[in-house]
C-alpha atoms as a PDB file:
ATOM      1  CA  MET A   1     292.898-194.927 150.851  1.00  0.00           C
ATOM      2  CA  LEU A   2     294.763-198.217 150.899  1.00  0.00           C
ATOM      3  CA  SER A   3     295.532-200.358 147.821  1.00  0.00           C
ATOM      4  CA  GLN A   4     297.114-203.844 147.943  1.00  0.00           C
ATOM      5  CA  THR A   5     298.724-205.816 145.076  1.00  0.00           C
ATOM      6  CA  VAL A   6     300.340-209.246 144.799  1.00  0.00           C
ATOM      7  CA  GLY A   7     303.744-209.259 146.323  1.00  0.00           C
ATOM      8  CA  ALA A   8     304.977-206.519 148.566  1.00  0.00           C
ATOM      9  CA  PRO A   9     302.064-204.422 149.807  1.00  0.00           C
ATOM     10  CA  THR A  10     302.046-200.755 148.902  1.00  0.00           C
ATOM     11  CA  VAL A  11     300.155-198.052 150.764  1.00  0.00           C
ATOM     12  CA  LYS A  12     298.819-194.882 149.204  1.00  0.00           C
ATOM     13  CA  VAL A  13     297.806-192.253 151.737  1.00  0.00           C
ATOM     14  CA  GLU A  14     295.776-189.193 150.793  1.00  0.00           C
ATOM     15  CA  ALA A  15     296.412-187.444 154.126  1.00  0.00           C
ATOM     16  CA  PRO A  16     298.140-184.447 152.511  1.00  0.00           C
ATOM     17  CA  ARG A  17     294.976-183.654 150.564  1.00  0.00           C
ATOM     18  CA  ARG A  18     292.838-183.891 153.698  1.00  0.00           C
ATOM     19  CA  ARG A  19     295.372-181.827 155.620  1.00  0.00           C
ATOM     20  CA  ARG A  20     295.366-179.198 152.899  1.00  0.00           C
ATOM     21  CA  SER A  21     291.572-179.105 152.896  1.00  0.00           C
ATOM     22  CA  ALA A  22     291.486-178.606 156.661  1.00  0.00           C
ATOM     23  CA  TYR A  23     294.170-175.924 156.393  1.00  0.00           C
ATOM     24  CA  ASN A  24     292.172-174.055 153.769  1.00  0.00           C
ATOM     25  CA  ARG A  25     289.065-174.339 155.912  1.00  0.00           C
ATOM     26  CA  TYR A  26     290.836-172.876 158.927  1.00  0.00           C
ATOM     27  CA  ARG A  27     292.149-170.022 156.786  1.00  0.00           C
ATOM     28  CA  LEU A  28     288.733-169.308 155.322  1.00  0.00           C
ATOM     29  CA  ALA A  29     286.824-169.276 158.622  1.00  0.00           C
ATOM     30  CA  PRO A  30     288.541-166.172 160.086  1.00  0.00           C
ATOM     31  CA  LEU A  31     288.058-164.317 156.810  1.00  0.00           C
ATOM     32  CA  ILE A  32     284.347-165.067 156.897  1.00  0.00           C
ATOM     33  CA  LEU A  33     284.079-163.956 160.514  1.00  0.00           C
ATOM     34  CA  ILE A  34     285.756-160.601 159.908  1.00  0.00           C
ATOM     35  CA  SER A  35     284.124-159.960 156.537  1.00  0.00           C
ATOM     36  CA  ALA A  36     281.223-158.020 158.074  1.00  0.00           C
ATOM     37  CA  ASN A  37     283.622-155.737 159.948  1.00  0.00           C
ATOM     38  CA  VAL A  38     285.708-155.224 156.829  1.00  0.00           C
ATOM     39  CA  VAL A  39     282.629-154.265 154.812  1.00  0.00           C
ATOM     40  CA  LEU A  40     281.413-151.851 157.492  1.00  0.00           C
ATOM     41  CA  PHE A  41     284.881-150.320 157.842  1.00  0.00           C
ATOM     42  CA  ALA A  42     285.149-149.817 154.098  1.00  0.00           C
ATOM     43  CA  LEU A  43     281.614-148.444 153.852  1.00  0.00           C
ATOM     44  CA  PHE A  44     281.707-145.985 156.750  1.00  0.00           C
ATOM     45  CA  PHE A  45     285.418-145.081 156.954  1.00  0.00           C
ATOM     46  CA  VAL A  46     287.365-145.831 153.797  1.00  0.00           C
ATOM     47  CA  TRP A  47     284.712-144.692 151.318  1.00  0.00           C
ATOM     48  CA  PRO A  48     283.845-141.389 153.110  1.00  0.00           C
ATOM     49  CA  GLY A  49     287.566-140.735 153.549  1.00  0.00           C
ATOM     50  CA  ALA A  50     288.194-141.268 149.842  1.00  0.00           C
ATOM     51  CA  ILE A  51     285.308-138.950 148.954  1.00  0.00           C
ATOM     52  CA  GLY A  52     286.632-136.305 151.356  1.00  0.00           C
ATOM     53  CA  LEU A  53     290.082-136.537 149.788  1.00  0.00           C
ATOM     54  CA  ILE A  54     288.600-136.068 146.310  1.00  0.00           C
ATOM     55  CA  TYR A  55     286.434-133.138 147.427  1.00  0.00           C
ATOM     56  CA  SER A  56     289.462-131.452 149.017  1.00  0.00           C
ATOM     57  CA  PHE A  57     290.786-130.812 145.510  1.00  0.00           C
ATOM     58  CA  THR A  58     287.516-129.292 144.266  1.00  0.00           C
ATOM     59  CA  ASP A  59     285.340-126.238 144.894  1.00  0.00           C
ATOM     60  CA  TYR A  60     282.321-128.354 145.853  1.00  0.00           C
ATOM     61  CA  THR A  61     279.623-126.452 147.769  1.00  0.00           C
ATOM     62  CA  GLY A  62     277.063-129.220 148.128  1.00  0.00           C
ATOM     63  CA  ILE A  63     275.125-128.051 145.072  1.00  0.00           C
ATOM     64  CA  GLY A  64     275.950-128.859 141.477  1.00  0.00           C
ATOM     65  CA  ASP A  65     279.012-130.595 140.127  1.00  0.00           C
ATOM     66  CA  PRO A  66     282.412-129.953 141.712  1.00  0.00           C
ATOM     67  CA  ASP A  67     285.204-128.375 139.682  1.00  0.00           C
ATOM     68  CA  PHE A  68     288.810-129.438 140.160  1.00  0.00           C
ATOM     69  CA  VAL A  69     290.908-126.650 141.737  1.00  0.00           C
ATOM     70  CA  GLY A  70     294.045-128.581 142.671  1.00  0.00           C
ATOM     71  CA  LEU A  71     295.784-127.380 145.822  1.00  0.00           C
ATOM     72  CA  GLU A  72     293.854-124.119 146.012  1.00  0.00           C
ATOM     73  CA  ASN A  73     291.887-125.174 149.111  1.00  0.00           C
ATOM     74  CA  TYR A  74     295.073-126.123 150.944  1.00  0.00           C
ATOM     75  CA  ALA A  75     296.713-122.820 149.979  1.00  0.00           C
ATOM     76  CA  LYS A  76     293.721-120.894 151.363  1.00  0.00           C
ATOM     77  CA  LEU A  77     293.761-123.033 154.475  1.00  0.00           C
ATOM     78  CA  PHE A  78     297.366-122.253 155.344  1.00  0.00           C
ATOM     79  CA  ALA A  79     296.726-118.565 154.712  1.00  0.00           C
ATOM     80  CA  ASP A  80     293.670-118.450 156.998  1.00  0.00           C
ATOM     81  CA  SER A  81     294.389-117.034 160.451  1.00  0.00           C
ATOM     82  CA  ASN A  82     291.137-118.518 161.782  1.00  0.00           C
ATOM     83  CA  PHE A  83     292.378-122.001 160.926  1.00  0.00           C
ATOM     84  CA  PHE A  84     295.615-121.485 162.857  1.00  0.00           C
ATOM     85  CA  ALA A  85     293.659-119.995 165.762  1.00  0.00           C
ATOM     86  CA  ALA A  86     291.451-123.102 165.902  1.00  0.00           C
ATOM     87  CA  PHE A  87     294.571-125.247 165.537  1.00  0.00           C
ATOM     88  CA  GLY A  88     296.234-123.567 168.514  1.00  0.00           C
ATOM     89  CA  ARG A  89     293.116-123.737 170.702  1.00  0.00           C
ATOM     90  CA  THR A  90     292.737-127.425 169.913  1.00  0.00           C
ATOM     91  CA  PHE A  91     296.224-128.274 171.150  1.00  0.00           C
ATOM     92  CA  PHE A  92     295.828-125.964 174.134  1.00  0.00           C
ATOM     93  CA  TYR A  93     292.621-127.782 175.070  1.00  0.00           C
ATOM     94  CA  ALA A  94     294.358-131.157 174.660  1.00  0.00           C
ATOM     95  CA  ALA A  95     297.360-129.998 176.718  1.00  0.00           C
ATOM     96  CA  MET A  96     295.009-129.054 179.567  1.00  0.00           C
ATOM     97  CA  SER A  97     292.435-131.850 179.459  1.00  0.00           C
ATOM     98  CA  VAL A  98     294.686-134.882 178.861  1.00  0.00           C
ATOM     99  CA  PRO A  99     296.912-134.445 181.970  1.00  0.00           C
ATOM    100  CA  LEU A 100     293.847-133.648 184.072  1.00  0.00           C
ATOM    101  CA  THR A 101     292.059-136.763 182.822  1.00  0.00           C
ATOM    102  CA  TYR A 102     295.150-138.873 183.470  1.00  0.00           C
ATOM    103  CA  VAL A 103     295.621-137.630 187.029  1.00  0.00           C
ATOM    104  CA  LEU A 104     291.935-137.962 187.928  1.00  0.00           C
ATOM    105  CA  SER A 105     291.526-141.446 186.488  1.00  0.00           C
ATOM    106  CA  LEU A 106     294.753-142.771 188.028  1.00  0.00           C
ATOM    107  CA  SER A 107     293.985-141.197 191.423  1.00  0.00           C
ATOM    108  CA  ILE A 108     290.476-142.649 191.543  1.00  0.00           C
ATOM    109  CA  ALA A 109     291.720-146.056 190.391  1.00  0.00           C
ATOM    110  CA  SER A 110     294.400-146.071 193.099  1.00  0.00           C
ATOM    111  CA  LEU A 111     291.802-145.287 195.753  1.00  0.00           C
ATOM    112  CA  LEU A 112     289.411-147.965 194.506  1.00  0.00           C
ATOM    113  CA  VAL A 113     292.028-150.724 194.648  1.00  0.00           C
ATOM    114  CA  SER A 114     293.307-149.693 198.056  1.00  0.00           C
ATOM    115  CA  LYS A 115     292.474-152.095 200.877  1.00  0.00           C
ATOM    116  CA  PHE A 116     291.678-149.146 203.127  1.00  0.00           C
ATOM    117  CA  THR A 117     288.896-147.757 200.910  1.00  0.00           C
ATOM    118  CA  LYS A 118     285.291-148.475 201.944  1.00  0.00           C
ATOM    119  CA  GLY A 119     282.296-148.703 199.616  1.00  0.00           C
ATOM    120  CA  LYS A 120     284.378-149.464 196.542  1.00  0.00           C
ATOM    121  CA  SER A 121     281.598-151.240 194.642  1.00  0.00           C
ATOM    122  CA  ALA A 122     279.201-148.310 194.906  1.00  0.00           C
ATOM    123  CA  ALA A 123     282.002-145.861 194.113  1.00  0.00           C
ATOM    124  CA  ARG A 124     282.882-147.712 190.912  1.00  0.00           C
ATOM    125  CA  VAL A 125     279.286-147.462 189.702  1.00  0.00           C
ATOM    126  CA  ILE A 126     279.075-143.753 190.544  1.00  0.00           C
ATOM    127  CA  PHE A 127     282.371-142.895 188.876  1.00  0.00           C
ATOM    128  CA  PHE A 128     281.486-144.929 185.784  1.00  0.00           C
ATOM    129  CA  ILE A 129     278.169-143.151 185.149  1.00  0.00           C
ATOM    130  CA  PRO A 130     279.708-140.345 183.011  1.00  0.00           C
ATOM    131  CA  TRP A 131     280.980-142.925 180.514  1.00  0.00           C
ATOM    132  CA  LEU A 132     277.397-144.137 179.977  1.00  0.00           C
ATOM    133  CA  LEU A 133     276.263-140.680 178.888  1.00  0.00           C
ATOM    134  CA  SER A 134     276.577-139.452 175.318  1.00  0.00           C
ATOM    135  CA  PRO A 135     278.831-136.418 174.711  1.00  0.00           C
ATOM    136  CA  ILE A 136     275.754-134.310 173.908  1.00  0.00           C
ATOM    137  CA  VAL A 137     274.155-135.163 177.254  1.00  0.00           C
ATOM    138  CA  VAL A 138     277.440-134.366 179.018  1.00  0.00           C
ATOM    139  CA  GLY A 139     277.514-130.963 177.304  1.00  0.00           C
ATOM    140  CA  VAL A 140     273.910-130.220 178.281  1.00  0.00           C
ATOM    141  CA  ILE A 141     274.542-131.195 181.919  1.00  0.00           C
ATOM    142  CA  TRP A 142     277.550-128.911 182.200  1.00  0.00           C
ATOM    143  CA  ARG A 143     275.711-126.138 180.377  1.00  0.00           C
ATOM    144  CA  TRP A 144     272.947-126.242 182.970  1.00  0.00           C
ATOM    145  CA  MET A 145     275.532-126.300 185.738  1.00  0.00           C
ATOM    146  CA  PHE A 146     277.611-123.381 184.400  1.00  0.00           C
ATOM    147  CA  GLY A 147     274.999-121.375 182.538  1.00  0.00           C
ATOM    148  CA  GLU A 148     275.585-117.677 183.013  1.00  0.00           C
ATOM    149  CA  ASN A 149     271.966-116.700 183.610  1.00  0.00           C
ATOM    150  CA  PHE A 150     270.365-119.973 184.716  1.00  0.00           C
ATOM    151  CA  GLY A 151     273.227-122.211 185.854  1.00  0.00           C
ATOM    152  CA  LEU A 152     273.298-124.038 189.153  1.00  0.00           C
ATOM    153  CA  VAL A 153     276.752-122.764 190.097  1.00  0.00           C
ATOM    154  CA  ASN A 154     275.799-119.109 189.608  1.00  0.00           C
ATOM    155  CA  PHE A 155     272.582-119.690 191.519  1.00  0.00           C
ATOM    156  CA  ILE A 156     274.567-120.970 194.492  1.00  0.00           C
ATOM    157  CA  VAL A 157     277.093-118.127 194.209  1.00  0.00           C
ATOM    158  CA  GLN A 158     274.385-115.473 194.095  1.00  0.00           C
ATOM    159  CA  SER A 159     272.483-117.142 196.946  1.00  0.00           C
ATOM    160  CA  MET A 160     275.602-116.696 199.066  1.00  0.00           C
ATOM    161  CA  GLY A 161     275.794-113.010 198.138  1.00  0.00           C
ATOM    162  CA  GLY A 162     278.406-113.271 195.394  1.00  0.00           C
ATOM    163  CA  ALA A 163     278.378-111.758 191.893  1.00  0.00           C
ATOM    164  CA  ARG A 164     277.351-113.727 188.835  1.00  0.00           C
ATOM    165  CA  ILE A 165     280.361-115.352 187.114  1.00  0.00           C
ATOM    166  CA  PRO A 166     280.537-114.931 183.307  1.00  0.00           C
ATOM    167  CA  TRP A 167     281.013-118.611 182.519  1.00  0.00           C
ATOM    168  CA  GLN A 168     279.785-118.233 178.930  1.00  0.00           C
ATOM    169  CA  SER A 169     280.690-114.676 177.927  1.00  0.00           C
ATOM    170  CA  ASP A 170     284.310-114.899 179.097  1.00  0.00           C
ATOM    171  CA  ALA A 171     286.370-116.945 176.613  1.00  0.00           C
ATOM    172  CA  ASN A 172     288.884-118.183 179.188  1.00  0.00           C
ATOM    173  CA  LEU A 173     286.240-119.283 181.694  1.00  0.00           C
ATOM    174  CA  SER A 174     284.230-120.890 178.912  1.00  0.00           C
ATOM    175  CA  LEU A 175     287.244-122.933 177.799  1.00  0.00           C
ATOM    176  CA  LEU A 176     287.957-123.879 181.418  1.00  0.00           C
ATOM    177  CA  VAL A 177     284.447-125.310 181.742  1.00  0.00           C
ATOM    178  CA  VAL A 178     284.998-127.318 178.548  1.00  0.00           C
ATOM    179  CA  VAL A 179     288.265-128.710 179.934  1.00  0.00           C
ATOM    180  CA  PHE A 180     286.646-129.876 183.178  1.00  0.00           C
ATOM    181  CA  ALA A 181     283.644-131.297 181.337  1.00  0.00           C
ATOM    182  CA  GLY A 182     285.892-133.271 178.995  1.00  0.00           C
ATOM    183  CA  ALA A 183     288.001-134.589 181.882  1.00  0.00           C
ATOM    184  CA  TRP A 184     284.875-135.566 183.825  1.00  0.00           C
ATOM    185  CA  ALA A 185     283.489-137.485 180.857  1.00  0.00           C
ATOM    186  CA  GLY A 186     286.756-139.238 180.004  1.00  0.00           C
ATOM    187  CA  THR A 187     287.842-140.239 183.505  1.00  0.00           C
ATOM    188  CA  ALA A 188     285.471-143.192 183.928  1.00  0.00           C
ATOM    189  CA  PHE A 189     286.750-145.473 181.165  1.00  0.00           C
ATOM    190  CA  ASN A 190     290.403-144.670 181.875  1.00  0.00           C
ATOM    191  CA  MET A 191     289.744-145.417 185.532  1.00  0.00           C
ATOM    192  CA  LEU A 192     288.691-148.964 184.636  1.00  0.00           C
ATOM    193  CA  LEU A 193     291.845-149.450 182.571  1.00  0.00           C
ATOM    194  CA  PHE A 194     294.016-148.329 185.469  1.00  0.00           C
ATOM    195  CA  ILE A 195     292.133-150.530 187.951  1.00  0.00           C
ATOM    196  CA  ALA A 196     292.805-153.596 185.821  1.00  0.00           C
ATOM    197  CA  ALA A 197     296.456-152.617 185.330  1.00  0.00           C
ATOM    198  CA  ILE A 198     297.116-151.978 189.029  1.00  0.00           C
ATOM    199  CA  LYS A 199     295.503-155.275 190.014  1.00  0.00           C
ATOM    200  CA  ASN A 200     297.854-157.097 187.650  1.00  0.00           C
ATOM    201  CA  VAL A 201     300.959-155.784 189.413  1.00  0.00           C
ATOM    202  CA  PRO A 202     302.449-158.700 191.391  1.00  0.00           C
ATOM    203  CA  LYS A 203     301.843-158.271 195.112  1.00  0.00           C
ATOM    204  CA  GLU A 204     305.299-159.654 195.820  1.00  0.00           C
ATOM    205  CA  TYR A 205     306.772-156.348 194.631  1.00  0.00           C
ATOM    206  CA  TYR A 206     304.870-154.402 197.275  1.00  0.00           C
ATOM    207  CA  GLU A 207     305.658-156.942 199.987  1.00  0.00           C
ATOM    208  CA  ALA A 208     309.373-156.722 199.194  1.00  0.00           C
ATOM    209  CA  ALA A 209     309.191-152.925 199.239  1.00  0.00           C
ATOM    210  CA  GLU A 210     307.470-152.969 202.626  1.00  0.00           C
ATOM    211  CA  LEU A 211     310.242-155.147 204.013  1.00  0.00           C
ATOM    212  CA  ASP A 212     312.701-152.505 202.835  1.00  0.00           C
ATOM    213  CA  GLY A 213     310.697-149.850 204.662  1.00  0.00           C
ATOM    214  CA  ALA A 214     309.208-148.136 201.597  1.00  0.00           C
ATOM    215  CA  GLY A 215     306.208-145.909 202.168  1.00  0.00           C
ATOM    216  CA  SER A 216     303.011-145.607 200.121  1.00  0.00           C
ATOM    217  CA  TRP A 217     304.341-142.872 197.853  1.00  0.00           C
ATOM    218  CA  ALA A 218     307.637-144.690 197.279  1.00  0.00           C
ATOM    219  CA  LYS A 219     305.796-147.881 196.315  1.00  0.00           C
ATOM    220  CA  PHE A 220     303.495-145.968 193.996  1.00  0.00           C
ATOM    221  CA  LYS A 221     306.362-144.132 192.307  1.00  0.00           C
ATOM    222  CA  SER A 222     308.803-147.033 192.054  1.00  0.00           C
ATOM    223  CA  ILE A 223     306.459-149.984 191.506  1.00  0.00           C
ATOM    224  CA  THR A 224     302.985-148.946 190.385  1.00  0.00           C
ATOM    225  CA  LEU A 225     303.866-146.296 187.801  1.00  0.00           C
ATOM    226  CA  PRO A 226     306.542-148.354 185.980  1.00  0.00           C
ATOM    227  CA  SER A 227     304.331-151.454 186.027  1.00  0.00           C
ATOM    228  CA  ILE A 228     301.330-149.703 184.461  1.00  0.00           C
ATOM    229  CA  ALA A 229     303.387-147.839 181.843  1.00  0.00           C
ATOM    230  CA  PRO A 230     301.744-149.651 178.873  1.00  0.00           C
ATOM    231  CA  THR A 231     298.294-148.733 180.184  1.00  0.00           C
ATOM    232  CA  SER A 232     299.423-145.155 180.748  1.00  0.00           C
ATOM    233  CA  PHE A 233     300.550-145.016 177.143  1.00  0.00           C
ATOM    234  CA  ILE A 234     297.151-146.230 175.902  1.00  0.00           C
ATOM    235  CA  VAL A 235     295.305-143.752 178.127  1.00  0.00           C
ATOM    236  CA  ILE A 236     297.413-140.802 177.000  1.00  0.00           C
ATOM    237  CA  LEU A 237     297.166-141.785 173.336  1.00  0.00           C
ATOM    238  CA  LEU A 238     293.395-142.277 173.329  1.00  0.00           C
ATOM    239  CA  SER A 239     292.792-139.172 175.439  1.00  0.00           C
ATOM    240  CA  THR A 240     294.934-137.038 173.132  1.00  0.00           C
ATOM    241  CA  LEU A 241     293.232-138.264 169.971  1.00  0.00           C
ATOM    242  CA  GLY A 242     289.809-137.834 171.584  1.00  0.00           C
ATOM    243  CA  ALA A 243     290.571-134.285 172.733  1.00  0.00           C
ATOM    244  CA  ILE A 244     291.817-133.187 169.309  1.00  0.00           C
ATOM    245  CA  LYS A 245     288.672-134.427 167.557  1.00  0.00           C
ATOM    246  CA  GLU A 246     286.212-133.350 170.265  1.00  0.00           C
ATOM    247  CA  PHE A 247     282.990-131.944 168.817  1.00  0.00           C
ATOM    248  CA  ALA A 248     279.609-133.065 170.168  1.00  0.00           C
ATOM    249  CA  MET A 249     280.240-132.183 173.817  1.00  0.00           C
ATOM    250  CA  ILE A 250     281.516-128.684 172.967  1.00  0.00           C
ATOM    251  CA  GLN A 251     278.642-128.056 170.567  1.00  0.00           C
ATOM    252  CA  ALA A 252     276.111-128.895 173.265  1.00  0.00           C
ATOM    253  CA  LEU A 253     277.968-127.000 176.000  1.00  0.00           C
ATOM    254  CA  ASN A 254     278.760-123.621 174.456  1.00  0.00           C
ATOM    255  CA  ASN A 255     278.820-124.105 170.663  1.00  0.00           C
ATOM    256  CA  GLY A 256     282.479-123.089 170.614  1.00  0.00           C
ATOM    257  CA  GLY A 257     281.631-119.723 172.137  1.00  0.00           C
ATOM    258  CA  PRO A 258     281.512-117.019 173.048  1.00  0.00           C
ATOM    259  CA  GLY A 259     281.178-116.376 169.331  1.00  0.00           C
ATOM    260  CA  THR A 260     283.970-118.342 167.686  1.00  0.00           C
ATOM    261  CA  GLU A 261     286.542-117.735 170.440  1.00  0.00           C
ATOM    262  CA  ASN A 262     286.718-121.381 171.459  1.00  0.00           C
ATOM    263  CA  ASN A 263     286.228-123.067 168.114  1.00  0.00           C
ATOM    264  CA  LEU A 264     288.417-126.140 167.897  1.00  0.00           C
ATOM    265  CA  LEU A 265     289.484-127.751 164.622  1.00  0.00           C
ATOM    266  CA  VAL A 266     286.360-129.864 164.291  1.00  0.00           C
ATOM    267  CA  GLN A 267     284.121-126.856 164.979  1.00  0.00           C
ATOM    268  CA  TYR A 268     286.052-124.919 162.339  1.00  0.00           C
ATOM    269  CA  ILE A 269     285.502-127.737 159.837  1.00  0.00           C
ATOM    270  CA  TYR A 270     281.814-127.941 160.735  1.00  0.00           C
ATOM    271  CA  ARG A 271     281.245-124.211 160.293  1.00  0.00           C
ATOM    272  CA  SER A 272     283.154-124.117 157.013  1.00  0.00           C
ATOM    273  CA  GLY A 273     281.383-127.114 155.515  1.00  0.00           C
ATOM    274  CA  PHE A 274     277.839-127.063 156.839  1.00  0.00           C
ATOM    275  CA  GLN A 275     277.233-123.426 157.743  1.00  0.00           C
ATOM    276  CA  ASN A 276     279.231-121.693 155.009  1.00  0.00           C
ATOM    277  CA  GLY A 277     278.690-124.343 152.333  1.00  0.00           C
ATOM    278  CA  GLN A 278     282.408-124.747 151.575  1.00  0.00           C
ATOM    279  CA  ILE A 279     282.484-128.538 151.350  1.00  0.00           C
ATOM    280  CA  GLY A 280     285.725-128.699 149.386  1.00  0.00           C
ATOM    281  CA  TYR A 281     287.490-126.306 151.740  1.00  0.00           C
ATOM    282  CA  ALA A 282     286.211-128.182 154.811  1.00  0.00           C
ATOM    283  CA  SER A 283     287.352-131.469 153.265  1.00  0.00           C
ATOM    284  CA  ALA A 284     290.857-130.070 152.930  1.00  0.00           C
ATOM    285  CA  ALA A 285     290.802-129.088 156.608  1.00  0.00           C
ATOM    286  CA  SER A 286     289.583-132.606 157.457  1.00  0.00           C
ATOM    287  CA  MET A 287     292.538-134.116 155.613  1.00  0.00           C
ATOM    288  CA  ILE A 288     294.899-131.906 157.618  1.00  0.00           C
ATOM    289  CA  LEU A 289     293.223-133.061 160.828  1.00  0.00           C
ATOM    290  CA  MET A 290     293.599-136.697 159.783  1.00  0.00           C
ATOM    291  CA  VAL A 291     297.313-136.189 159.129  1.00  0.00           C
ATOM    292  CA  ILE A 292     297.725-134.513 162.532  1.00  0.00           C
ATOM    293  CA  LEU A 293     296.039-137.427 164.320  1.00  0.00           C
ATOM    294  CA  LEU A 294     298.142-139.929 162.402  1.00  0.00           C
ATOM    295  CA  VAL A 295     301.385-138.102 163.191  1.00  0.00           C
ATOM    296  CA  ILE A 296     300.530-137.905 166.906  1.00  0.00           C
ATOM    297  CA  ALA A 297     299.748-141.613 167.028  1.00  0.00           C
ATOM    298  CA  LEU A 298     302.980-142.523 165.217  1.00  0.00           C
ATOM    299  CA  ILE A 299     305.099-140.282 167.464  1.00  0.00           C
ATOM    300  CA  GLN A 300     303.629-141.751 170.624  1.00  0.00           C
ATOM    301  CA  LEU A 301     304.072-145.278 169.294  1.00  0.00           C
ATOM    302  CA  TRP A 302     307.705-144.486 168.457  1.00  0.00           C
ATOM    303  CA  PHE A 303     308.359-143.197 171.980  1.00  0.00           C
ATOM    304  CA  ASN A 304     306.652-146.220 173.503  1.00  0.00           C
ATOM    305  CA  ASN A 305     308.660-148.679 171.377  1.00  0.00           C
ATOM    306  CA  ARG A 306     311.875-146.842 172.127  1.00  0.00           C
ATOM    307  CA  LYS A 307     311.126-146.947 175.844  1.00  0.00           C
ATOM    308  CA  SER A 308     310.345-150.670 175.634  1.00  0.00           C
ATOM    309  CA  VAL A 309     313.656-151.366 173.892  1.00  0.00           C
ATOM    310  CA  LYS A 310     315.583-149.436 176.513  1.00  0.00           C
ATOM    311  CA  GLY A 311     313.697-151.210 179.255  1.00  0.00           C
END
């Protein structure tokens, strides 16, 4: 807005107001765009988590009103040998499945970006199929493959004159099947992450290494692995968290069997809450699981940041 008087002209500019209005509009737009996600996050994550935390201090069984019991559920939890058994099996499963998933996904990704590999487009589709399947379907597929009385593997073994393998009645073999099933299901997505990371490594590094006479393994160890370290960190972190909270695939495959021999933490929580009706006790176990996942994530982030600083 301009105003003019007799004598020296004076100019009054209202640009700051318009600038402030535009600034407020640009601040408001992102908030509106993320509001739906914030509401959904609060509704399906924050609110159930708050309810679970409250129930963990009660004797709630799903029927009637809960009574406050303080830390009694947590005291029972740390005195329960079955909880520590499930805790140990969970980390044992993660320690076996995460390295296997990492090696498989990185190996397949390296083959699919190699200039010597043929049929890479079809191979990518085939290797990505497991990621399209739900964990329940993955468990059913592997159950039909390694069923003790009706499984495909035992059918082939017996057709060749061998003895039936106790895939489901032997706890160690049953856990081994779960490990391979989990690695098979988790390899596809991690493979795509590694493919993208390897393709982003500057080709000049490999050309310089070739001029120095470096072989394929030397280039992979000295160039590829250090260059994809951030992606490796993401893969290991997500795979670890996924393994610790694995549930649907194991339920469909062997239901944590034989018996309760291979119950992981989530199966233990499920049995306590939904089968035994101990909602408060199961909520306390869920809070412990949440703390474990949070601690693992923070530790891995700390190591990654420390490595980045040193680098």
